[in-house]
């Protein structure tokens, strides 16, 4: 019984570890195609000089390039792009999973030899029983669930004046999982946000991406 339970746990969580599920929400007023539009990624005071920020910014640039956008300087760019990201300290959760095992006899058959002695006979053999398998119970598993997020905001530089930013795009990506480090899941979160860019405004959806790019 324990071996069956252990095998089920390994199958369940090894499969989940290969993928990242991200909840995406997007609001924008951009045209469907941004090919040829220029942009600059602007770092905050805290992000300036951060190697982590530079790594995520490079991933975003690669996605923008796929859609034909062109990196430029702040004084020449049409759009200013701001990135924010983080992961919480996690919270304890309890999940329940089914335990599989034999639930009874499904079928049986016998094999052997019949020996006759005059008017009598005897049978010598073995009977084999084939069990049915199904859910025989449940067990609980306690773990830590972490919440990671990645936000991308795009401002129209020409329309942003007098300290009033004119935002034209808000993209939000949130992922929940047992990994308490942001860097390994960030590529999948960024790919999820850019799966359809800029996409339909006002929608929310869940996207499943491989942990490593295929």
C-alpha atoms as a PDB file:
ATOM      1  CA  UNK A   1       0.000   0.000   0.000  1.00  0.00           C
ATOM      2  CA  UNK A   2       2.776   2.454   0.927  1.00  0.00           C
ATOM      3  CA  UNK A   3       4.562   1.833  -2.351  1.00  0.00           C
ATOM      4  CA  UNK A   4       1.378   2.709  -4.262  1.00  0.00           C
ATOM      5  CA  UNK A   5       0.966   5.933  -2.256  1.00  0.00           C
ATOM      6  CA  UNK A   6       4.602   6.912  -2.774  1.00  0.00           C
ATOM      7  CA  UNK A   7       4.426   6.282  -6.508  1.00  0.00           C
ATOM      8  CA  UNK A   8       1.316   8.446  -6.797  1.00  0.00           C
ATOM      9  CA  UNK A   9       2.988  11.348  -4.936  1.00  0.00           C
ATOM     10  CA  UNK A  10       6.105  11.173  -7.105  1.00  0.00           C
ATOM     11  CA  UNK A  11       4.017  11.110 -10.289  1.00  0.00           C
ATOM     12  CA  UNK A  12       1.821  13.997  -9.177  1.00  0.00           C
ATOM     13  CA  UNK A  13       4.498  16.429  -8.042  1.00  0.00           C
ATOM     14  CA  UNK A  14       7.216  15.572 -10.552  1.00  0.00           C
ATOM     15  CA  UNK A  15       4.682  16.316 -13.301  1.00  0.00           C
ATOM     16  CA  UNK A  16       3.662  19.645 -11.775  1.00  0.00           C
ATOM     17  CA  UNK A  17       7.281  20.721 -11.313  1.00  0.00           C
ATOM     18  CA  UNK A  18       7.856  20.747 -15.080  1.00  0.00           C
ATOM     19  CA  UNK A  19       5.245  23.422 -15.760  1.00  0.00           C
ATOM     20  CA  UNK A  20       4.342  26.891 -14.495  1.00  0.00           C
ATOM     21  CA  UNK A  21       0.723  28.023 -14.428  1.00  0.00           C
ATOM     22  CA  UNK A  22       0.291  31.786 -14.580  1.00  0.00           C
ATOM     23  CA  UNK A  23      -2.827  33.908 -14.190  1.00  0.00           C
ATOM     24  CA  UNK A  24      -2.727  36.755 -16.697  1.00  0.00           C
ATOM     25  CA  UNK A  25      -4.769  39.964 -16.765  1.00  0.00           C
ATOM     26  CA  UNK A  26      -4.297  42.696 -19.378  1.00  0.00           C
ATOM     27  CA  UNK A  27      -5.767  46.171 -19.950  1.00  0.00           C
ATOM     28  CA  UNK A  28      -4.538  48.404 -22.746  1.00  0.00           C
ATOM     29  CA  UNK A  29      -5.367  50.894 -25.491  1.00  0.00           C
ATOM     30  CA  UNK A  30      -2.721  49.772 -27.980  1.00  0.00           C
ATOM     31  CA  UNK A  31      -3.229  48.865 -31.623  1.00  0.00           C
ATOM     32  CA  UNK A  32      -3.233  45.120 -32.390  1.00  0.00           C
ATOM     33  CA  UNK A  33       0.175  45.422 -34.061  1.00  0.00           C
ATOM     34  CA  UNK A  34       3.064  47.339 -32.519  1.00  0.00           C
ATOM     35  CA  UNK A  35       5.609  46.407 -35.165  1.00  0.00           C
ATOM     36  CA  UNK A  36       8.055  49.273 -35.645  1.00  0.00           C
ATOM     37  CA  UNK A  37       7.127  51.034 -32.402  1.00  0.00           C
ATOM     38  CA  UNK A  38      10.111  52.206 -30.349  1.00  0.00           C
ATOM     39  CA  UNK A  39      10.482  51.703 -26.615  1.00  0.00           C
ATOM     40  CA  UNK A  40      12.867  52.078 -23.707  1.00  0.00           C
ATOM     41  CA  UNK A  41      12.823  49.996 -20.511  1.00  0.00           C
ATOM     42  CA  UNK A  42      13.164  52.283 -17.499  1.00  0.00           C
ATOM     43  CA  UNK A  43      14.526  51.018 -14.187  1.00  0.00           C
ATOM     44  CA  UNK A  44      13.440  52.321 -10.814  1.00  0.00           C
ATOM     45  CA  UNK A  45      15.951  53.649  -8.296  1.00  0.00           C
ATOM     46  CA  UNK A  46      15.991  50.280  -6.540  1.00  0.00           C
ATOM     47  CA  UNK A  47      16.425  48.374  -9.829  1.00  0.00           C
ATOM     48  CA  UNK A  48      19.315  50.470 -11.151  1.00  0.00           C
ATOM     49  CA  UNK A  49      22.440  48.306 -11.287  1.00  0.00           C
ATOM     50  CA  UNK A  50      20.515  45.131 -10.374  1.00  0.00           C
ATOM     51  CA  UNK A  51      21.674  42.071 -12.282  1.00  0.00           C
ATOM     52  CA  UNK A  52      18.310  40.431 -11.611  1.00  0.00           C
ATOM     53  CA  UNK A  53      16.513  43.360 -13.230  1.00  0.00           C
ATOM     54  CA  UNK A  54      18.867  43.280 -16.208  1.00  0.00           C
ATOM     55  CA  UNK A  55      18.165  39.556 -16.687  1.00  0.00           C
ATOM     56  CA  UNK A  56      14.386  40.036 -16.699  1.00  0.00           C
ATOM     57  CA  UNK A  57      14.670  43.122 -18.913  1.00  0.00           C
ATOM     58  CA  UNK A  58      16.632  41.097 -21.487  1.00  0.00           C
ATOM     59  CA  UNK A  59      13.872  38.479 -21.530  1.00  0.00           C
ATOM     60  CA  UNK A  60      11.253  41.186 -22.067  1.00  0.00           C
ATOM     61  CA  UNK A  61      13.328  42.727 -24.894  1.00  0.00           C
ATOM     62  CA  UNK A  62      13.501  39.349 -26.621  1.00  0.00           C
ATOM     63  CA  UNK A  63       9.699  39.066 -26.495  1.00  0.00           C
ATOM     64  CA  UNK A  64       9.176  42.640 -27.735  1.00  0.00           C
ATOM     65  CA  UNK A  65      11.535  41.939 -30.627  1.00  0.00           C
ATOM     66  CA  UNK A  66       9.332  38.992 -31.645  1.00  0.00           C
ATOM     67  CA  UNK A  67       6.489  41.472 -32.111  1.00  0.00           C
ATOM     68  CA  UNK A  68       8.608  43.873 -34.158  1.00  0.00           C
ATOM     69  CA  UNK A  69       9.201  46.535 -31.513  1.00  0.00           C
ATOM     70  CA  UNK A  70      12.500  48.402 -31.553  1.00  0.00           C
ATOM     71  CA  UNK A  71      14.606  49.423 -28.550  1.00  0.00           C
ATOM     72  CA  UNK A  72      15.603  53.095 -28.484  1.00  0.00           C
ATOM     73  CA  UNK A  73      16.756  55.894 -26.168  1.00  0.00           C
ATOM     74  CA  UNK A  74      14.390  57.674 -23.806  1.00  0.00           C
ATOM     75  CA  UNK A  75      14.403  60.930 -25.786  1.00  0.00           C
ATOM     76  CA  UNK A  76      13.569  59.117 -29.031  1.00  0.00           C
ATOM     77  CA  UNK A  77      11.326  56.265 -27.884  1.00  0.00           C
ATOM     78  CA  UNK A  78       7.546  56.303 -28.217  1.00  0.00           C
ATOM     79  CA  UNK A  79       6.950  54.149 -25.154  1.00  0.00           C
ATOM     80  CA  UNK A  80       8.523  53.854 -21.696  1.00  0.00           C
ATOM     81  CA  UNK A  81       8.233  50.391 -20.144  1.00  0.00           C
ATOM     82  CA  UNK A  82       8.366  49.765 -16.399  1.00  0.00           C
ATOM     83  CA  UNK A  83       8.782  46.330 -14.799  1.00  0.00           C
ATOM     84  CA  UNK A  84       8.038  45.201 -11.265  1.00  0.00           C
ATOM     85  CA  UNK A  85       8.282  41.730  -9.771  1.00  0.00           C
ATOM     86  CA  UNK A  86       8.563  39.799  -6.546  1.00  0.00           C
ATOM     87  CA  UNK A  87       7.607  36.734  -4.535  1.00  0.00           C
ATOM     88  CA  UNK A  88       6.070  36.454  -1.084  1.00  0.00           C
ATOM     89  CA  UNK A  89       7.326  34.474   1.933  1.00  0.00           C
ATOM     90  CA  UNK A  90       4.763  31.728   1.367  1.00  0.00           C
ATOM     91  CA  UNK A  91       1.903  30.327   3.382  1.00  0.00           C
ATOM     92  CA  UNK A  92       1.221  26.867   4.732  1.00  0.00           C
ATOM     93  CA  UNK A  93      -1.419  24.865   2.861  1.00  0.00           C
ATOM     94  CA  UNK A  94      -2.854  21.378   3.270  1.00  0.00           C
ATOM     95  CA  UNK A  95      -3.855  19.393   0.195  1.00  0.00           C
ATOM     96  CA  UNK A  96      -5.641  16.064   0.016  1.00  0.00           C
ATOM     97  CA  UNK A  97      -4.934  13.356  -2.532  1.00  0.00           C
ATOM     98  CA  UNK A  98      -6.537   9.942  -3.116  1.00  0.00           C
ATOM     99  CA  UNK A  99      -4.897   6.678  -2.121  1.00  0.00           C
ATOM    100  CA  UNK A 100      -5.272   3.813  -4.587  1.00  0.00           C
ATOM    101  CA  UNK A 101      -5.316   0.119  -3.731  1.00  0.00           C
ATOM    102  CA  UNK A 102      -7.208  -3.157  -4.170  1.00  0.00           C
ATOM    103  CA  UNK A 103     -10.946  -2.860  -3.571  1.00  0.00           C
ATOM    104  CA  UNK A 104     -11.963  -6.515  -3.930  1.00  0.00           C
ATOM    105  CA  UNK A 105     -11.860  -9.524  -6.237  1.00  0.00           C
ATOM    106  CA  UNK A 106     -12.644  -8.704  -9.842  1.00  0.00           C
ATOM    107  CA  UNK A 107     -12.349 -12.181 -11.323  1.00  0.00           C
ATOM    108  CA  UNK A 108     -10.816 -15.557 -10.592  1.00  0.00           C
ATOM    109  CA  UNK A 109      -9.837 -18.676 -12.475  1.00  0.00           C
ATOM    110  CA  UNK A 110      -8.489 -22.087 -11.560  1.00  0.00           C
ATOM    111  CA  UNK A 111      -6.056 -24.386 -13.242  1.00  0.00           C
ATOM    112  CA  UNK A 112      -5.085 -27.913 -12.337  1.00  0.00           C
ATOM    113  CA  UNK A 113      -5.643 -31.626 -13.002  1.00  0.00           C
ATOM    114  CA  UNK A 114      -8.697 -33.900 -12.543  1.00  0.00           C
ATOM    115  CA  UNK A 115      -7.792 -37.453 -11.529  1.00  0.00           C
ATOM    116  CA  UNK A 116     -10.405 -40.246 -11.827  1.00  0.00           C
ATOM    117  CA  UNK A 117     -10.533 -43.303  -9.547  1.00  0.00           C
ATOM    118  CA  UNK A 118     -13.288 -45.608 -10.725  1.00  0.00           C
ATOM    119  CA  UNK A 119     -16.550 -43.857 -10.009  1.00  0.00           C
ATOM    120  CA  UNK A 120     -14.878 -40.959  -8.172  1.00  0.00           C
ATOM    121  CA  UNK A 121     -12.567 -38.151  -9.209  1.00  0.00           C
ATOM    122  CA  UNK A 122     -10.482 -35.525  -7.482  1.00  0.00           C
ATOM    123  CA  UNK A 123      -9.176 -32.103  -8.530  1.00  0.00           C
ATOM    124  CA  UNK A 124      -5.729 -30.829  -7.782  1.00  0.00           C
ATOM    125  CA  UNK A 125      -4.947 -27.235  -8.775  1.00  0.00           C
ATOM    126  CA  UNK A 126      -4.580 -23.580  -7.910  1.00  0.00           C
ATOM    127  CA  UNK A 127      -7.092 -20.706  -8.004  1.00  0.00           C
ATOM    128  CA  UNK A 128      -5.906 -17.236  -9.091  1.00  0.00           C
ATOM    129  CA  UNK A 129      -7.768 -14.085  -8.041  1.00  0.00           C
ATOM    130  CA  UNK A 130      -7.541 -10.814 -10.008  1.00  0.00           C
ATOM    131  CA  UNK A 131      -8.237  -7.817  -7.758  1.00  0.00           C
ATOM    132  CA  UNK A 132     -10.008  -4.592  -8.703  1.00  0.00           C
ATOM    133  CA  UNK A 133      -8.207  -1.320  -7.969  1.00  0.00           C
ATOM    134  CA  UNK A 134      -9.703   1.996  -6.994  1.00  0.00           C
ATOM    135  CA  UNK A 135      -9.711   4.736  -4.373  1.00  0.00           C
ATOM    136  CA  UNK A 136      -9.480   3.239  -0.896  1.00  0.00           C
ATOM    137  CA  UNK A 137      -8.973   6.421   1.074  1.00  0.00           C
ATOM    138  CA  UNK A 138      -7.145   9.728   1.147  1.00  0.00           C
ATOM    139  CA  UNK A 139      -4.121  11.286   2.783  1.00  0.00           C
ATOM    140  CA  UNK A 140      -3.126  14.872   3.445  1.00  0.00           C
ATOM    141  CA  UNK A 141       0.053  16.647   2.420  1.00  0.00           C
ATOM    142  CA  UNK A 142       1.265  19.865   4.050  1.00  0.00           C
ATOM    143  CA  UNK A 143       3.406  22.271   2.058  1.00  0.00           C
ATOM    144  CA  UNK A 144       4.312  25.910   1.536  1.00  0.00           C
ATOM    145  CA  UNK A 145       2.609  27.823  -1.303  1.00  0.00           C
ATOM    146  CA  UNK A 146       4.464  30.828  -2.716  1.00  0.00           C
ATOM    147  CA  UNK A 147       2.997  33.626  -4.839  1.00  0.00           C
ATOM    148  CA  UNK A 148       5.199  35.213  -7.488  1.00  0.00           C
ATOM    149  CA  UNK A 149       4.214  38.184  -9.633  1.00  0.00           C
ATOM    150  CA  UNK A 150       5.460  40.101 -12.667  1.00  0.00           C
ATOM    151  CA  UNK A 151       3.952  43.426 -13.776  1.00  0.00           C
ATOM    152  CA  UNK A 152       4.620  45.368 -16.962  1.00  0.00           C
ATOM    153  CA  UNK A 153       3.348  48.922 -17.523  1.00  0.00           C
ATOM    154  CA  UNK A 154       3.751  50.883 -20.754  1.00  0.00           C
ATOM    155  CA  UNK A 155       3.506  54.674 -20.905  1.00  0.00           C
ATOM    156  CA  UNK A 156       3.162  56.877 -23.968  1.00  0.00           C
ATOM    157  CA  UNK A 157       6.033  59.331 -23.455  1.00  0.00           C
ATOM    158  CA  UNK A 158       4.684  62.102 -25.706  1.00  0.00           C
ATOM    159  CA  UNK A 159       1.302  62.062 -23.969  1.00  0.00           C
ATOM    160  CA  UNK A 160       2.798  62.001 -20.472  1.00  0.00           C
ATOM    161  CA  UNK A 161       3.211  65.587 -19.362  1.00  0.00           C
ATOM    162  CA  UNK A 162       3.139  67.733 -16.205  1.00  0.00           C
ATOM    163  CA  UNK A 163       3.916  64.720 -14.050  1.00  0.00           C
ATOM    164  CA  UNK A 164       0.839  62.864 -15.277  1.00  0.00           C
ATOM    165  CA  UNK A 165       1.839  59.543 -16.832  1.00  0.00           C
ATOM    166  CA  UNK A 166      -0.322  58.393 -19.718  1.00  0.00           C
ATOM    167  CA  UNK A 167      -0.492  54.636 -19.328  1.00  0.00           C
ATOM    168  CA  UNK A 168      -1.410  52.624 -22.434  1.00  0.00           C
ATOM    169  CA  UNK A 169      -0.804  49.073 -21.182  1.00  0.00           C
ATOM    170  CA  UNK A 170      -1.107  47.169 -17.888  1.00  0.00           C
ATOM    171  CA  UNK A 171      -0.039  43.533 -17.812  1.00  0.00           C
ATOM    172  CA  UNK A 172      -0.222  41.431 -14.658  1.00  0.00           C
ATOM    173  CA  UNK A 173       1.141  37.893 -14.227  1.00  0.00           C
ATOM    174  CA  UNK A 174       0.692  35.887 -11.007  1.00  0.00           C
ATOM    175  CA  UNK A 175       1.891  32.356 -10.373  1.00  0.00           C
ATOM    176  CA  UNK A 176       1.416  30.047  -7.369  1.00  0.00           C
ATOM    177  CA  UNK A 177       3.687  27.125  -6.557  1.00  0.00           C
ATOM    178  CA  UNK A 178       6.025  25.358  -4.175  1.00  0.00           C
ATOM    179  CA  UNK A 179       9.140  27.112  -5.511  1.00  0.00           C
ATOM    180  CA  UNK A 180      10.150  29.967  -3.212  1.00  0.00           C
ATOM    181  CA  UNK A 181      12.615  31.482  -5.699  1.00  0.00           C
ATOM    182  CA  UNK A 182      11.453  33.805  -8.465  1.00  0.00           C
ATOM    183  CA  UNK A 183      14.243  33.481 -11.054  1.00  0.00           C
ATOM    184  CA  UNK A 184      13.509  29.891 -12.220  1.00  0.00           C
ATOM    185  CA  UNK A 185       9.831  30.600 -12.946  1.00  0.00           C
ATOM    186  CA  UNK A 186      10.209  34.125 -14.347  1.00  0.00           C
ATOM    187  CA  UNK A 187      10.934  33.055 -17.970  1.00  0.00           C
ATOM    188  CA  UNK A 188       7.682  31.060 -18.053  1.00  0.00           C
ATOM    189  CA  UNK A 189       5.751  33.965 -16.506  1.00  0.00           C
ATOM    190  CA  UNK A 190       7.134  36.423 -19.065  1.00  0.00           C
ATOM    191  CA  UNK A 191       6.373  34.062 -21.948  1.00  0.00           C
ATOM    192  CA  UNK A 192       2.832  33.716 -20.615  1.00  0.00           C
ATOM    193  CA  UNK A 193       2.309  37.479 -20.533  1.00  0.00           C
ATOM    194  CA  UNK A 194       3.600  37.761 -24.099  1.00  0.00           C
ATOM    195  CA  UNK A 195       1.760  34.745 -25.507  1.00  0.00           C
ATOM    196  CA  UNK A 196      -0.578  37.154 -27.312  1.00  0.00           C
ATOM    197  CA  UNK A 197       0.718  40.730 -27.178  1.00  0.00           C
ATOM    198  CA  UNK A 198      -0.888  43.133 -26.682  1.00  0.00           C
ATOM    199  CA  UNK A 199      -3.901  40.817 -26.828  1.00  0.00           C
ATOM    200  CA  UNK A 200      -7.497  41.596 -26.029  1.00  0.00           C
ATOM    201  CA  UNK A 201      -7.959  44.272 -23.388  1.00  0.00           C
ATOM    202  CA  UNK A 202      -9.859  43.436 -20.232  1.00  0.00           C
ATOM    203  CA  UNK A 203      -9.346  39.675 -20.298  1.00  0.00           C
ATOM    204  CA  UNK A 204      -8.048  37.315 -17.639  1.00  0.00           C
ATOM    205  CA  UNK A 205      -6.779  33.830 -18.387  1.00  0.00           C
ATOM    206  CA  UNK A 206      -4.563  31.073 -17.043  1.00  0.00           C
ATOM    207  CA  UNK A 207      -1.621  29.964 -19.179  1.00  0.00           C
ATOM    208  CA  UNK A 208       0.488  26.850 -18.708  1.00  0.00           C
ATOM    209  CA  UNK A 209       4.093  27.058 -19.846  1.00  0.00           C
ATOM    210  CA  UNK A 210       6.992  24.596 -19.487  1.00  0.00           C
ATOM    211  CA  UNK A 211       9.454  25.512 -16.772  1.00  0.00           C
ATOM    212  CA  UNK A 212      12.229  25.384 -19.362  1.00  0.00           C
ATOM    213  CA  UNK A 213      11.651  26.720 -22.865  1.00  0.00           C
ATOM    214  CA  UNK A 214      11.097  23.878 -25.332  1.00  0.00           C
END
